[in-house]
C-alpha cells in the first residue's frame, strides 16, 4: 500500500505534501463554515 513511500523520489513527496496541505485547508474551511452557520442560526 505504501510502496510509493519507499522510493526516495522528491516528486512523490511533493505530491503527498500538496495533497495533505489541500486536505487540511479544505477541512479547516469546512469547520469554519459550520461554526459560522451555527452562530448565525
N, C-alpha and C. Protein backbone atom coordinates (compact mmCIF):
# COMPACT_ATOMS: atom_id res chain seq x y z
N UNK A 1 0.84 -1.20 0.00
CA UNK A 1 0.00 0.00 0.00
C UNK A 1 0.88 1.25 0.00
N UNK A 2 1.93 1.25 0.85
CA UNK A 2 2.79 2.43 0.97
C UNK A 2 4.08 2.24 0.17
N UNK A 3 3.98 1.50 -0.94
CA UNK A 3 5.16 1.22 -1.73
C UNK A 3 5.79 2.51 -2.26
N UNK A 4 4.95 3.52 -2.56
CA UNK A 4 5.46 4.78 -3.09
C UNK A 4 6.37 5.49 -2.11
N UNK A 5 6.16 5.25 -0.79
CA UNK A 5 6.97 5.94 0.20
C UNK A 5 8.38 5.37 0.26
N UNK A 6 8.57 4.14 -0.25
CA UNK A 6 9.89 3.52 -0.18
C UNK A 6 10.84 4.14 -1.20
N UNK A 7 10.29 4.66 -2.30
CA UNK A 7 11.14 5.30 -3.30
C UNK A 7 11.50 6.69 -2.81
N UNK A 8 12.79 7.02 -2.86
CA UNK A 8 13.21 8.33 -2.38
C UNK A 8 13.05 9.35 -3.50
N UNK A 9 11.81 9.51 -3.95
CA UNK A 9 11.54 10.43 -5.05
C UNK A 9 10.90 11.69 -4.51
N UNK A 10 11.58 12.81 -4.69
CA UNK A 10 11.08 14.07 -4.14
C UNK A 10 9.77 14.47 -4.80
N UNK A 11 9.53 13.98 -6.02
CA UNK A 11 8.29 14.33 -6.72
C UNK A 11 7.10 13.72 -5.98
N UNK A 12 7.25 12.47 -5.54
CA UNK A 12 6.15 11.82 -4.82
C UNK A 12 5.93 12.50 -3.48
N UNK A 13 7.02 12.88 -2.82
CA UNK A 13 6.87 13.57 -1.53
C UNK A 13 6.17 14.90 -1.72
N UNK A 14 6.50 15.61 -2.81
CA UNK A 14 5.87 16.90 -3.09
C UNK A 14 4.38 16.70 -3.33
N UNK A 15 4.02 15.64 -4.06
CA UNK A 15 2.61 15.38 -4.33
C UNK A 15 1.87 15.05 -3.04
N UNK A 16 2.47 14.20 -2.21
CA UNK A 16 1.85 13.84 -0.93
C UNK A 16 1.66 15.08 -0.07
N UNK A 17 2.69 15.93 -0.03
CA UNK A 17 2.63 17.15 0.78
C UNK A 17 1.52 18.06 0.28
N UNK A 18 1.41 18.17 -1.05
CA UNK A 18 0.37 19.02 -1.64
C UNK A 18 -1.01 18.48 -1.30
N UNK A 19 -1.20 17.15 -1.42
CA UNK A 19 -2.50 16.56 -1.09
C UNK A 19 -2.84 16.79 0.38
N UNK A 20 -1.87 16.60 1.26
CA UNK A 20 -2.11 16.78 2.69
C UNK A 20 -2.48 18.22 3.00
N UNK A 21 -1.73 19.16 2.40
CA UNK A 21 -1.99 20.58 2.65
C UNK A 21 -3.38 20.96 2.15
N UNK A 22 -3.76 20.47 0.96
CA UNK A 22 -5.08 20.77 0.41
C UNK A 22 -6.17 20.20 1.31
N UNK A 23 -5.96 18.98 1.80
CA UNK A 23 -6.95 18.37 2.67
C UNK A 23 -7.13 19.16 3.96
N UNK A 24 -6.01 19.59 4.54
CA UNK A 24 -6.08 20.36 5.79
C UNK A 24 -6.81 21.68 5.56
N UNK A 25 -6.52 22.34 4.45
CA UNK A 25 -7.18 23.61 4.15
C UNK A 25 -8.67 23.40 3.94
N UNK A 26 -9.05 22.33 3.24
CA UNK A 26 -10.47 22.06 2.99
C UNK A 26 -11.19 21.79 4.30
N UNK A 27 -10.58 20.97 5.17
CA UNK A 27 -11.21 20.64 6.45
C UNK A 27 -11.35 21.89 7.31
N UNK A 28 -10.31 22.72 7.32
CA UNK A 28 -10.37 23.96 8.11
C UNK A 28 -11.49 24.86 7.61
N UNK A 29 -11.61 25.00 6.29
CA UNK A 29 -12.66 25.84 5.72
C UNK A 29 -14.04 25.27 6.08
N UNK A 30 -14.16 23.95 6.03
CA UNK A 30 -15.44 23.31 6.37
C UNK A 30 -15.80 23.58 7.82
N UNK A 31 -14.86 23.40 8.72
CA UNK A 31 -15.11 23.61 10.15
C UNK A 31 -15.51 25.06 10.41
N UNK A 32 -14.80 26.00 9.79
CA UNK A 32 -15.11 27.41 10.00
C UNK A 32 -16.50 27.74 9.45
N UNK A 33 -16.86 27.16 8.32
CA UNK A 33 -18.18 27.41 7.73
C UNK A 33 -19.27 26.87 8.64
N UNK A 34 -19.05 25.67 9.19
CA UNK A 34 -20.05 25.08 10.09
C UNK A 34 -20.20 25.93 11.34
N UNK A 35 -19.08 26.40 11.89
CA UNK A 35 -19.15 27.25 13.09
C UNK A 35 -19.90 28.54 12.79
N UNK A 36 -19.65 29.14 11.63
CA UNK A 36 -20.33 30.38 11.26
C UNK A 36 -21.83 30.13 11.10
N UNK A 37 -22.18 29.00 10.51
CA UNK A 37 -23.60 28.69 10.32
C UNK A 37 -24.28 28.49 11.67
N UNK A 38 -23.62 27.80 12.58
CA UNK A 38 -24.22 27.56 13.90
C UNK A 38 -24.39 28.87 14.65
N UNK A 39 -23.45 29.80 14.48
CA UNK A 39 -23.53 31.08 15.16
C UNK A 39 -24.71 31.90 14.63
N UNK A 40 -24.85 31.95 13.30
CA UNK A 40 -25.91 32.77 12.71
C UNK A 40 -27.26 32.10 12.90
N UNK A 41 -27.26 30.77 12.99
CA UNK A 41 -28.52 30.04 13.12
C UNK A 41 -29.04 30.17 14.50
